[in-house]
């Protein structure tokens, strides 16, 4: 076991230890930044999915009530927005997973080289779980809109 670093340690060892800790914290900041990026994708996707679903359902209800003659183009526009939101969310999830795997790989390589301690764990991303749940809701919404099946039919 290595001797702990104190203010009485060799200045070069102190400097190396500080650099190692800063690098370790930079990995944590980068991980949190990736989560914030995925949150932005979630917000935009949620807006697209909810607006598309609302537009589609509103015009279908107006048609069913006899207020308008046909709602085809408005319904198609709503479906297109939901599909766009789903595709954007899939892209965000794929990018996030690839980025996090790359970051973990770099972190393990730096730990193996003794450049960082890597003592703190990378917890499961609640943002990623939220994105996956939203993706399943979006898929259920599009199935309901297109095929009139599912929980939103």
C-alpha atoms as a PDB file:
ATOM      1  CA  UNK A   1       0.000   0.000   0.000  1.00  0.00           C
ATOM      2  CA  UNK A   2       1.332   3.403  -0.950  1.00  0.00           C
ATOM      3  CA  UNK A   3       2.167   5.919   1.692  1.00  0.00           C
ATOM      4  CA  UNK A   4      -0.486   8.624   2.026  1.00  0.00           C
ATOM      5  CA  UNK A   5       0.274  12.116   0.800  1.00  0.00           C
ATOM      6  CA  UNK A   6       0.449  14.871   3.404  1.00  0.00           C
ATOM      7  CA  UNK A   7       1.624  18.462   3.404  1.00  0.00           C
ATOM      8  CA  UNK A   8       5.002  17.129   4.565  1.00  0.00           C
ATOM      9  CA  UNK A   9       5.416  14.880   1.493  1.00  0.00           C
ATOM     10  CA  UNK A  10       7.802  15.550  -1.356  1.00  0.00           C
ATOM     11  CA  UNK A  11       6.456  18.471  -3.448  1.00  0.00           C
ATOM     12  CA  UNK A  12       6.709  16.440  -6.648  1.00  0.00           C
ATOM     13  CA  UNK A  13       4.559  13.648  -5.143  1.00  0.00           C
ATOM     14  CA  UNK A  14       2.041  16.256  -3.995  1.00  0.00           C
ATOM     15  CA  UNK A  15       1.909  17.722  -7.500  1.00  0.00           C
ATOM     16  CA  UNK A  16       1.425  14.307  -9.114  1.00  0.00           C
ATOM     17  CA  UNK A  17      -1.319  13.439  -6.612  1.00  0.00           C
ATOM     18  CA  UNK A  18      -3.129  16.726  -7.254  1.00  0.00           C
ATOM     19  CA  UNK A  19      -2.964  16.200 -11.013  1.00  0.00           C
ATOM     20  CA  UNK A  20      -4.306  12.676 -10.620  1.00  0.00           C
ATOM     21  CA  UNK A  21      -7.227  13.876  -8.508  1.00  0.00           C
ATOM     22  CA  UNK A  22      -8.018  16.719 -10.912  1.00  0.00           C
ATOM     23  CA  UNK A  23      -8.055  14.282 -13.814  1.00  0.00           C
ATOM     24  CA  UNK A  24     -10.369  11.965 -11.883  1.00  0.00           C
ATOM     25  CA  UNK A  25     -12.730  14.856 -11.172  1.00  0.00           C
ATOM     26  CA  UNK A  26     -12.604  15.852 -14.842  1.00  0.00           C
ATOM     27  CA  UNK A  27     -13.938  12.400 -15.739  1.00  0.00           C
ATOM     28  CA  UNK A  28     -16.841  12.933 -13.340  1.00  0.00           C
ATOM     29  CA  UNK A  29     -17.583  16.380 -14.818  1.00  0.00           C
ATOM     30  CA  UNK A  30     -17.476  14.922 -18.326  1.00  0.00           C
ATOM     31  CA  UNK A  31     -19.882  12.144 -17.301  1.00  0.00           C
ATOM     32  CA  UNK A  32     -22.288  14.687 -15.832  1.00  0.00           C
ATOM     33  CA  UNK A  33     -21.981  16.795 -18.972  1.00  0.00           C
ATOM     34  CA  UNK A  34     -22.973  13.786 -21.087  1.00  0.00           C
ATOM     35  CA  UNK A  35     -26.028  13.334 -18.855  1.00  0.00           C
ATOM     36  CA  UNK A  36     -26.976  17.007 -19.343  1.00  0.00           C
ATOM     37  CA  UNK A  37     -26.657  16.577 -23.100  1.00  0.00           C
ATOM     38  CA  UNK A  38     -28.987  13.574 -22.985  1.00  0.00           C
ATOM     39  CA  UNK A  39     -31.411  15.608 -20.851  1.00  0.00           C
ATOM     40  CA  UNK A  40     -31.526  18.213 -23.623  1.00  0.00           C
ATOM     41  CA  UNK A  41     -32.348  15.492 -26.139  1.00  0.00           C
ATOM     42  CA  UNK A  42     -35.059  14.172 -23.795  1.00  0.00           C
ATOM     43  CA  UNK A  43     -36.631  17.630 -23.453  1.00  0.00           C
ATOM     44  CA  UNK A  44     -36.723  18.174 -27.200  1.00  0.00           C
ATOM     45  CA  UNK A  45     -37.974  14.658 -27.931  1.00  0.00           C
ATOM     46  CA  UNK A  46     -40.660  14.937 -25.274  1.00  0.00           C
ATOM     47  CA  UNK A  47     -41.846  18.198 -26.812  1.00  0.00           C
ATOM     48  CA  UNK A  48     -41.985  16.704 -30.304  1.00  0.00           C
ATOM     49  CA  UNK A  49     -43.751  13.539 -29.153  1.00  0.00           C
ATOM     50  CA  UNK A  50     -46.303  15.347 -27.000  1.00  0.00           C
ATOM     51  CA  UNK A  51     -47.047  18.071 -29.577  1.00  0.00           C
ATOM     52  CA  UNK A  52     -47.388  15.502 -32.342  1.00  0.00           C
ATOM     53  CA  UNK A  53     -49.677  13.286 -30.302  1.00  0.00           C
ATOM     54  CA  UNK A  54     -51.797  16.256 -29.215  1.00  0.00           C
ATOM     55  CA  UNK A  55     -52.124  17.661 -32.737  1.00  0.00           C
ATOM     56  CA  UNK A  56     -53.085  14.279 -34.150  1.00  0.00           C
ATOM     57  CA  UNK A  57     -55.634  13.519 -31.434  1.00  0.00           C
ATOM     58  CA  UNK A  58     -57.145  17.021 -31.502  1.00  0.00           C
ATOM     59  CA  UNK A  59     -57.858  16.928 -35.211  1.00  0.00           C
ATOM     60  CA  UNK A  60     -59.176  13.368 -35.068  1.00  0.00           C
ATOM     61  CA  UNK A  61     -61.582  14.380 -32.274  1.00  0.00           C
ATOM     62  CA  UNK A  62     -62.675  17.443 -34.261  1.00  0.00           C
ATOM     63  CA  UNK A  63     -63.337  15.210 -37.263  1.00  0.00           C
ATOM     64  CA  UNK A  64     -65.254  12.689 -35.177  1.00  0.00           C
ATOM     65  CA  UNK A  65     -67.365  15.502 -33.703  1.00  0.00           C
ATOM     66  CA  UNK A  66     -68.211  16.739 -37.208  1.00  0.00           C
ATOM     67  CA  UNK A  67     -66.498  20.101 -36.715  1.00  0.00           C
ATOM     68  CA  UNK A  68     -64.154  19.505 -39.656  1.00  0.00           C
ATOM     69  CA  UNK A  69     -64.583  17.319 -42.721  1.00  0.00           C
ATOM     70  CA  UNK A  70     -61.243  15.527 -42.698  1.00  0.00           C
ATOM     71  CA  UNK A  71     -58.131  15.556 -40.522  1.00  0.00           C
ATOM     72  CA  UNK A  72     -55.711  13.597 -42.700  1.00  0.00           C
ATOM     73  CA  UNK A  73     -52.953  16.145 -43.193  1.00  0.00           C
ATOM     74  CA  UNK A  74     -53.030  17.390 -39.592  1.00  0.00           C
ATOM     75  CA  UNK A  75     -52.984  13.829 -38.304  1.00  0.00           C
ATOM     76  CA  UNK A  76     -50.077  12.990 -40.614  1.00  0.00           C
ATOM     77  CA  UNK A  77     -48.214  16.061 -39.387  1.00  0.00           C
ATOM     78  CA  UNK A  78     -48.723  14.909 -35.782  1.00  0.00           C
ATOM     79  CA  UNK A  79     -47.497  11.419 -36.643  1.00  0.00           C
ATOM     80  CA  UNK A  80     -44.428  12.930 -38.342  1.00  0.00           C
ATOM     81  CA  UNK A  81     -43.623  14.949 -35.204  1.00  0.00           C
ATOM     82  CA  UNK A  82     -43.898  11.844 -33.008  1.00  0.00           C
ATOM     83  CA  UNK A  83     -41.669   9.862 -35.372  1.00  0.00           C
ATOM     84  CA  UNK A  84     -39.138  12.716 -35.408  1.00  0.00           C
ATOM     85  CA  UNK A  85     -39.139  12.793 -31.588  1.00  0.00           C
ATOM     86  CA  UNK A  86     -38.629   9.023 -31.414  1.00  0.00           C
ATOM     87  CA  UNK A  87     -35.784   9.095 -33.952  1.00  0.00           C
ATOM     88  CA  UNK A  88     -34.114  11.975 -32.137  1.00  0.00           C
ATOM     89  CA  UNK A  89     -34.389  10.102 -28.849  1.00  0.00           C
ATOM     90  CA  UNK A  90     -32.937   6.908 -30.355  1.00  0.00           C
ATOM     91  CA  UNK A  91     -30.017   8.920 -31.746  1.00  0.00           C
ATOM     92  CA  UNK A  92     -29.444  10.597 -28.369  1.00  0.00           C
ATOM     93  CA  UNK A  93     -29.496   7.268 -26.523  1.00  0.00           C
ATOM     94  CA  UNK A  94     -27.084   5.645 -28.989  1.00  0.00           C
ATOM     95  CA  UNK A  95     -24.706   8.618 -28.821  1.00  0.00           C
ATOM     96  CA  UNK A  96     -24.863   8.688 -25.016  1.00  0.00           C
ATOM     97  CA  UNK A  97     -24.139   4.969 -24.656  1.00  0.00           C
ATOM     98  CA  UNK A  98     -21.233   5.103 -27.128  1.00  0.00           C
ATOM     99  CA  UNK A  99     -19.779   8.188 -25.442  1.00  0.00           C
ATOM    100  CA  UNK A 100     -20.054   6.664 -21.960  1.00  0.00           C
ATOM    101  CA  UNK A 101     -18.452   3.392 -23.086  1.00  0.00           C
ATOM    102  CA  UNK A 102     -15.568   5.364 -24.608  1.00  0.00           C
ATOM    103  CA  UNK A 103     -15.210   7.434 -21.449  1.00  0.00           C
ATOM    104  CA  UNK A 104     -15.172   4.312 -19.269  1.00  0.00           C
ATOM    105  CA  UNK A 105     -12.580   2.715 -21.556  1.00  0.00           C
ATOM    106  CA  UNK A 106     -10.329   5.796 -21.315  1.00  0.00           C
ATOM    107  CA  UNK A 107     -10.794   5.882 -17.546  1.00  0.00           C
ATOM    108  CA  UNK A 108      -9.855   2.199 -17.166  1.00  0.00           C
ATOM    109  CA  UNK A 109      -6.796   2.711 -19.374  1.00  0.00           C
ATOM    110  CA  UNK A 110      -5.656   5.674 -17.280  1.00  0.00           C
ATOM    111  CA  UNK A 111      -6.243   3.714 -14.076  1.00  0.00           C
ATOM    112  CA  UNK A 112      -4.244   0.765 -15.450  1.00  0.00           C
ATOM    113  CA  UNK A 113      -1.397   3.160 -16.302  1.00  0.00           C
ATOM    114  CA  UNK A 114      -1.501   4.537 -12.757  1.00  0.00           C
ATOM    115  CA  UNK A 115      -2.412   8.034 -13.887  1.00  0.00           C
ATOM    116  CA  UNK A 116      -5.642   8.235 -11.889  1.00  0.00           C
ATOM    117  CA  UNK A 117      -7.067   6.433  -8.872  1.00  0.00           C
ATOM    118  CA  UNK A 118     -10.566   5.775 -10.317  1.00  0.00           C
ATOM    119  CA  UNK A 119     -11.892   4.988  -6.846  1.00  0.00           C
ATOM    120  CA  UNK A 120     -15.368   6.433  -7.391  1.00  0.00           C
ATOM    121  CA  UNK A 121     -17.823   4.286  -9.300  1.00  0.00           C
ATOM    122  CA  UNK A 122     -19.799   5.321 -12.336  1.00  0.00           C
ATOM    123  CA  UNK A 123     -23.400   4.948 -11.197  1.00  0.00           C
ATOM    124  CA  UNK A 124     -26.188   3.896 -13.530  1.00  0.00           C
ATOM    125  CA  UNK A 125     -27.417   6.950 -15.406  1.00  0.00           C
ATOM    126  CA  UNK A 126     -30.933   7.851 -14.313  1.00  0.00           C
ATOM    127  CA  UNK A 127     -31.056  10.109 -17.342  1.00  0.00           C
ATOM    128  CA  UNK A 128     -30.500   7.114 -19.617  1.00  0.00           C
ATOM    129  CA  UNK A 129     -33.227   5.165 -17.821  1.00  0.00           C
ATOM    130  CA  UNK A 130     -35.587   8.124 -18.259  1.00  0.00           C
ATOM    131  CA  UNK A 131     -34.743   8.292 -21.970  1.00  0.00           C
ATOM    132  CA  UNK A 132     -35.485   4.583 -22.409  1.00  0.00           C
ATOM    133  CA  UNK A 133     -38.822   4.933 -20.586  1.00  0.00           C
ATOM    134  CA  UNK A 134     -39.730   7.929 -22.759  1.00  0.00           C
ATOM    135  CA  UNK A 135     -38.770   5.930 -25.852  1.00  0.00           C
ATOM    136  CA  UNK A 136     -41.156   3.148 -24.860  1.00  0.00           C
ATOM    137  CA  UNK A 137     -43.945   5.701 -24.261  1.00  0.00           C
ATOM    138  CA  UNK A 138     -43.222   7.285 -27.650  1.00  0.00           C
ATOM    139  CA  UNK A 139     -43.352   3.897 -29.372  1.00  0.00           C
ATOM    140  CA  UNK A 140     -46.663   3.125 -27.646  1.00  0.00           C
ATOM    141  CA  UNK A 141     -48.002   6.506 -28.766  1.00  0.00           C
ATOM    142  CA  UNK A 142     -47.027   5.974 -32.405  1.00  0.00           C
ATOM    143  CA  UNK A 143     -48.541   2.466 -32.401  1.00  0.00           C
ATOM    144  CA  UNK A 144     -51.715   3.919 -30.962  1.00  0.00           C
ATOM    145  CA  UNK A 145     -51.821   6.716 -33.544  1.00  0.00           C
ATOM    146  CA  UNK A 146     -51.077   4.616 -36.605  1.00  0.00           C
ATOM    147  CA  UNK A 147     -52.722   1.274 -35.802  1.00  0.00           C
ATOM    148  CA  UNK A 148     -55.244   2.275 -33.085  1.00  0.00           C
ATOM    149  CA  UNK A 149     -53.747  -0.245 -30.646  1.00  0.00           C
ATOM    150  CA  UNK A 150     -52.053   0.152 -27.329  1.00  0.00           C
ATOM    151  CA  UNK A 151     -52.750   2.194 -24.235  1.00  0.00           C
ATOM    152  CA  UNK A 152     -53.499   5.447 -26.061  1.00  0.00           C
ATOM    153  CA  UNK A 153     -56.023   4.058 -28.570  1.00  0.00           C
END
